[in-house]
Amino acid sequence: MSWTLLRGTLHQRRTSMFWFCFSLALYSWMMVWFWEKMGADYGQMLENYPQEFLTLFGGNEVSFASMGGFFQIEYLGLMWMIIIGAAVVLFACKAFSGEIGAGTMELLLAQPISRARVALTRVVAFIGYAVLLNAFTFVPIQIFGPTYDVKLSAEVFWTVFLLGLLFTMGIGGLAMLLSSMFRDSGKPAAIASGMLLLFWIADMVANVSEAAEFFDPVNLVTYWQPGKIINGGSADAASWWVYGLLTVVTLAGCVVVFSRRDVA
């Protein structure tokens, strides 16, 4: 790994990193404030919705009238995934394919640094970025939450934080692997974003129909159930294995692929 390249990578990405992290912190603060303002009436509001509609969004997994259900349907189960997905896909596409397409990767590799060190440095930068994204998501909830009657135990906080980190690195690792394969950033961005959208749609369909349940074992969205954890439940053991293996395989894969490919 190259410390000089690592600092340069983080410096180049500093603007997008700042705004994504700042937006997540602000969104988290807004949601704990929102829970205090309408948490008591949230269950009554949901009674006006058809049961089929609630089931479609995972109402059979966690009660939306609970605090965990509120955070899952209003934040962590949809908008958070969109923000996280946009952040990691943008970072991944610029890490390899974006620079190859712009011609700057050839200039970088003209320096006395191996392709493996370049790829490993970009992976380390991505992991650090993933940690920041999740820290700016869950730390504000933990800090500001007690003021707004949102109290997470240390066990719940660390469980949802670590699982969220693995989810982030799994999605980002997939995007990093795709980025190492293509010459322009458009294709890996479209494929990674399309797969995440497909996962989300398949998860919704599986809640109301058996037609998409065959997809559950490999559906990354299905394993992401923060509402259950916030309500005091435990994360599915399979989620740790799926996200962990996906992270290791894809991040190691992008280093191997980039080390062997032609960037000219």
Protein backbone atom coordinates (compact mmCIF):
# COMPACT_ATOMS: atom_id res chain seq x y z
CA MET A 1 0.00 0.00 0.00
CA SER A 2 1.15 3.56 -0.72
CA TRP A 3 0.49 6.16 1.97
CA THR A 4 1.14 8.97 -0.51
CA LEU A 5 -1.46 7.57 -2.91
CA LEU A 6 -3.88 7.00 -0.02
CA ARG A 7 -3.64 10.63 1.04
CA GLY A 8 -4.02 11.73 -2.57
CA THR A 9 -7.08 9.53 -3.09
CA LEU A 10 -8.80 10.84 0.03
CA HIS A 11 -7.88 14.42 -0.91
CA GLN A 12 -9.38 14.00 -4.39
CA ARG A 13 -12.60 12.58 -2.96
CA ARG A 14 -12.85 14.99 -0.01
CA THR A 15 -15.75 17.05 -1.39
CA SER A 16 -18.10 14.15 -2.13
CA MET A 17 -17.04 12.40 1.09
CA PHE A 18 -17.84 15.50 3.13
CA TRP A 19 -21.28 16.05 1.63
CA PHE A 20 -22.36 12.42 1.83
CA CYS A 21 -21.23 12.17 5.48
CA PHE A 22 -22.75 15.53 6.37
CA SER A 23 -26.05 14.59 4.71
CA LEU A 24 -26.20 11.28 6.60
CA ALA A 25 -25.53 12.97 9.94
CA LEU A 26 -28.22 15.57 9.25
CA TYR A 27 -30.68 12.92 8.08
CA SER A 28 -30.06 10.81 11.21
CA TRP A 29 -30.62 13.81 13.46
CA MET A 30 -33.82 14.66 11.56
CA MET A 31 -35.17 11.13 11.98
CA VAL A 32 -34.67 10.98 15.77
CA TRP A 33 -36.34 14.39 16.01
CA PHE A 34 -39.14 13.15 13.77
CA TRP A 35 -39.69 10.09 16.00
CA GLU A 36 -40.21 12.31 19.06
CA LYS A 37 -42.67 14.52 17.20
CA MET A 38 -44.86 11.81 15.72
CA GLY A 39 -43.75 8.48 17.19
CA ALA A 40 -46.85 8.17 19.35
CA ASP A 41 -49.17 8.85 16.40
CA TYR A 42 -47.20 6.79 13.88
CA GLY A 43 -49.01 3.55 14.71
CA GLN A 44 -52.41 5.22 14.37
CA MET A 45 -51.43 6.66 11.01
CA LEU A 46 -50.41 3.21 9.75
CA GLU A 47 -53.80 1.78 10.70
CA ASN A 48 -55.23 3.68 7.72
CA TYR A 49 -52.99 1.75 5.31
CA PRO A 50 -54.07 -1.62 3.86
CA GLN A 51 -52.34 -4.60 5.45
CA GLU A 52 -51.15 -5.72 2.02
CA PHE A 53 -49.31 -2.41 1.59
CA LEU A 54 -47.55 -2.79 4.95
CA THR A 55 -46.62 -6.38 4.16
CA LEU A 56 -45.13 -5.26 0.85
CA PHE A 57 -42.65 -3.08 2.74
CA GLY A 58 -41.78 -5.74 5.29
CA GLY A 59 -44.53 -5.32 7.83
CA ASN A 60 -44.48 -9.05 8.44
CA GLU A 61 -40.86 -8.82 9.63
CA VAL A 62 -41.14 -5.93 12.09
CA SER A 63 -44.01 -3.81 13.40
CA PHE A 64 -43.89 -0.42 11.76
CA ALA A 65 -45.58 1.09 14.82
CA SER A 66 -42.41 0.32 16.84
CA MET A 67 -39.30 2.47 16.92
CA GLY A 68 -37.36 -0.11 14.93
CA GLY A 69 -40.10 -0.31 12.34
CA PHE A 70 -40.22 3.46 12.05
CA PHE A 71 -36.48 3.72 11.38
CA GLN A 72 -36.58 0.84 8.92
CA ILE A 73 -39.44 2.11 6.77
CA GLU A 74 -38.65 5.83 7.00
CA TYR A 75 -34.87 5.77 6.83
CA LEU A 76 -32.58 2.73 7.08
CA GLY A 77 -34.66 0.42 4.89
CA LEU A 78 -34.87 2.73 1.87
CA MET A 79 -33.40 6.25 1.84
CA TRP A 80 -30.26 5.17 3.68
CA MET A 81 -29.63 2.43 1.13
CA ILE A 82 -30.07 4.91 -1.71
CA ILE A 83 -27.60 7.37 -0.16
CA ILE A 84 -25.10 4.66 0.73
CA GLY A 85 -25.43 3.04 -2.68
CA ALA A 86 -24.84 6.35 -4.47
CA ALA A 87 -21.82 7.12 -2.27
CA VAL A 88 -20.01 3.80 -2.71
CA VAL A 89 -20.83 3.40 -6.41
CA LEU A 90 -19.51 6.90 -7.11
CA PHE A 91 -16.34 6.19 -5.15
CA ALA A 92 -15.82 2.78 -6.77
CA CYS A 93 -16.32 4.00 -10.32
CA LYS A 94 -13.74 6.75 -9.85
CA ALA A 95 -11.31 4.35 -8.15
CA PHE A 96 -10.54 2.36 -11.31
CA SER A 97 -12.71 2.66 -14.43
CA GLY A 98 -13.16 6.42 -14.12
CA GLU A 99 -9.42 7.04 -14.15
CA ILE A 100 -8.83 4.48 -16.90
CA GLY A 101 -11.40 6.18 -19.10
CA ALA A 102 -9.96 9.63 -18.36
CA GLY A 103 -6.42 8.46 -19.10
CA THR A 104 -5.06 9.43 -15.68
CA MET A 105 -4.49 5.81 -14.63
CA GLU A 106 -1.72 5.44 -17.24
CA LEU A 107 0.01 8.48 -15.78
CA LEU A 108 -0.28 7.06 -12.28
CA LEU A 109 1.12 3.68 -13.31
CA ALA A 110 4.04 5.42 -15.02
CA GLN A 111 5.27 6.18 -11.50
CA PRO A 112 7.35 3.62 -9.56
CA ILE A 113 4.30 1.89 -8.07
CA SER A 114 2.82 -1.50 -8.90
CA ARG A 115 -0.75 -2.10 -9.97
CA ALA A 116 -1.32 -4.28 -6.92
CA ARG A 117 -0.29 -1.43 -4.60
CA VAL A 118 -2.58 0.97 -6.45
CA ALA A 119 -5.52 -1.40 -6.16
CA LEU A 120 -4.80 -2.23 -2.51
CA THR A 121 -4.54 1.46 -1.64
CA ARG A 122 -7.87 2.19 -3.28
CA VAL A 123 -9.45 -0.70 -1.36
CA VAL A 124 -8.09 0.63 1.94
CA ALA A 125 -9.43 4.10 1.08
CA PHE A 126 -12.83 2.59 0.32
CA ILE A 127 -12.93 0.68 3.61
CA GLY A 128 -12.11 3.89 5.49
CA TYR A 129 -14.87 5.69 3.59
CA ALA A 130 -17.35 2.91 4.45
CA VAL A 131 -16.48 3.29 8.14
CA LEU A 132 -17.06 7.04 7.91
CA LEU A 133 -20.43 6.63 6.18
CA ASN A 134 -21.70 4.31 8.89
CA ALA A 135 -20.21 6.37 11.70
CA PHE A 136 -22.00 9.48 10.42
CA THR A 137 -25.20 7.43 10.21
CA PHE A 138 -25.35 5.70 13.58
CA VAL A 139 -23.23 7.85 15.90
CA PRO A 140 -25.61 10.86 15.56
CA ILE A 141 -28.52 8.55 16.44
CA GLN A 142 -26.64 7.38 19.51
CA ILE A 143 -25.59 10.92 20.54
CA PHE A 144 -28.77 12.87 19.81
CA GLY A 145 -31.20 10.01 20.35
CA PRO A 146 -31.62 10.26 24.16
CA THR A 147 -32.71 13.89 23.76
CA TYR A 148 -35.58 12.72 21.55
CA ASP A 149 -36.46 9.53 23.43
CA VAL A 150 -34.44 7.27 21.11
CA LYS A 151 -32.20 5.11 23.26
CA LEU A 152 -30.08 2.33 21.82
CA SER A 153 -28.09 0.02 24.07
CA ALA A 154 -24.40 -0.44 23.35
CA GLU A 155 -25.09 -3.94 22.02
CA VAL A 156 -27.78 -2.72 19.64
CA PHE A 157 -25.63 0.19 18.47
CA TRP A 158 -22.58 -1.95 17.69
CA THR A 159 -24.65 -4.69 16.06
CA VAL A 160 -26.46 -2.38 13.68
CA PHE A 161 -23.26 -0.38 13.05
CA LEU A 162 -21.15 -3.43 12.18
CA LEU A 163 -23.87 -5.06 10.09
CA GLY A 164 -24.44 -1.76 8.28
CA LEU A 165 -20.70 -1.53 7.66
CA LEU A 166 -20.61 -5.01 6.15
CA PHE A 167 -23.66 -4.19 4.01
CA THR A 168 -21.93 -1.03 2.79
CA MET A 169 -18.69 -2.85 2.01
CA GLY A 170 -20.58 -5.66 0.28
CA ILE A 171 -22.37 -3.27 -2.08
CA GLY A 172 -19.25 -1.16 -2.53
CA GLY A 173 -17.05 -4.21 -3.03
CA LEU A 174 -19.31 -5.36 -5.85
CA ALA A 175 -19.04 -1.92 -7.43
CA MET A 176 -15.24 -1.92 -6.95
CA LEU A 177 -14.95 -5.30 -8.69
CA LEU A 178 -17.03 -4.08 -11.63
CA SER A 179 -15.01 -0.88 -11.78
CA SER A 180 -11.78 -2.88 -12.08
CA MET A 181 -13.20 -4.73 -15.11
CA PHE A 182 -14.37 -1.87 -17.34
CA ARG A 183 -12.71 1.06 -19.08
CA ASP A 184 -15.37 3.68 -18.36
CA SER A 185 -17.38 4.43 -15.24
CA GLY A 186 -20.81 4.25 -16.87
CA LYS A 187 -21.11 0.47 -17.14
CA PRO A 188 -20.08 -0.47 -13.58
CA ALA A 189 -22.29 2.30 -12.17
CA ALA A 190 -25.29 1.12 -14.18
CA ILE A 191 -24.75 -2.56 -13.33
CA ALA A 192 -24.17 -2.00 -9.60
CA SER A 193 -27.11 0.40 -9.29
CA GLY A 194 -29.34 -1.91 -11.31
CA MET A 195 -28.46 -4.90 -9.14
CA LEU A 196 -29.21 -2.97 -5.94
CA LEU A 197 -32.58 -1.90 -7.41
CA LEU A 198 -33.29 -5.49 -8.43
CA PHE A 199 -32.49 -6.72 -4.92
CA TRP A 200 -34.85 -4.15 -3.39
CA ILE A 201 -37.73 -4.95 -5.77
CA ALA A 202 -37.27 -8.70 -5.31
CA ASP A 203 -37.31 -8.27 -1.53
CA MET A 204 -40.61 -6.37 -1.70
CA VAL A 205 -42.19 -8.92 -4.03
CA ALA A 206 -41.03 -11.78 -1.81
CA ASN A 207 -42.94 -10.21 1.11
CA VAL A 208 -46.27 -10.75 -0.63
CA SER A 209 -45.60 -13.55 -3.10
CA GLU A 210 -43.59 -16.76 -3.28
CA ALA A 211 -42.57 -15.87 -6.83
CA ALA A 212 -39.40 -14.09 -5.70
CA GLU A 213 -38.53 -16.11 -2.60
CA PHE A 214 -36.05 -18.25 -4.56
CA PHE A 215 -33.95 -15.06 -4.79
CA ASP A 216 -33.75 -14.57 -1.01
CA PRO A 217 -30.54 -16.57 -0.35
CA VAL A 218 -28.51 -14.18 -2.54
CA ASN A 219 -30.60 -11.03 -2.02
CA LEU A 220 -28.45 -8.56 -0.10
CA VAL A 221 -31.43 -6.39 0.83
CA THR A 222 -33.29 -9.31 2.44
CA TYR A 223 -30.57 -9.74 5.06
CA TRP A 224 -30.61 -6.04 6.01
CA GLN A 225 -33.21 -5.83 8.81
CA PRO A 226 -32.13 -2.95 11.10
CA GLY A 227 -35.61 -2.59 12.57
CA LYS A 228 -35.45 -6.01 14.19
CA ILE A 229 -32.09 -5.18 15.77
CA ILE A 230 -33.26 -1.79 17.06
CA ASN A 231 -36.29 -3.49 18.62
CA GLY A 232 -33.96 -5.80 20.53
CA GLY A 233 -33.89 -8.75 18.17
CA SER A 234 -30.79 -10.45 16.84
CA ALA A 235 -29.39 -10.29 13.34
CA ASP A 236 -29.68 -13.40 11.22
CA ALA A 237 -26.39 -15.32 11.42
CA ALA A 238 -26.51 -15.80 7.65
CA SER A 239 -26.37 -12.02 7.13
CA TRP A 240 -22.90 -11.84 8.72
CA TRP A 241 -21.63 -14.65 6.50
CA VAL A 242 -23.20 -13.35 3.29
CA TYR A 243 -22.01 -9.77 3.72
CA GLY A 244 -18.62 -10.83 5.07
CA LEU A 245 -17.88 -13.30 2.27
CA LEU A 246 -19.13 -10.90 -0.40
CA THR A 247 -16.87 -8.16 0.98
CA VAL A 248 -13.77 -10.36 1.10
CA VAL A 249 -14.34 -11.94 -2.33
CA THR A 250 -15.17 -8.73 -4.20
CA LEU A 251 -12.46 -6.54 -2.67
CA ALA A 252 -9.81 -9.23 -3.11
CA GLY A 253 -11.16 -9.84 -6.62
CA CYS A 254 -10.81 -6.21 -7.67
CA VAL A 255 -7.14 -6.23 -6.60
CA VAL A 256 -6.48 -9.41 -8.61
CA VAL A 257 -8.39 -8.24 -11.70
CA PHE A 258 -6.82 -4.79 -11.78
CA SER A 259 -3.34 -6.26 -11.27
CA ARG A 260 -3.73 -8.42 -14.37
CA ARG A 261 -5.64 -6.18 -16.79
CA ASP A 262 -4.47 -3.83 -19.52
CA VAL A 263 -5.25 -0.16 -18.82
CA ALA A 264 -3.74 1.29 -22.00
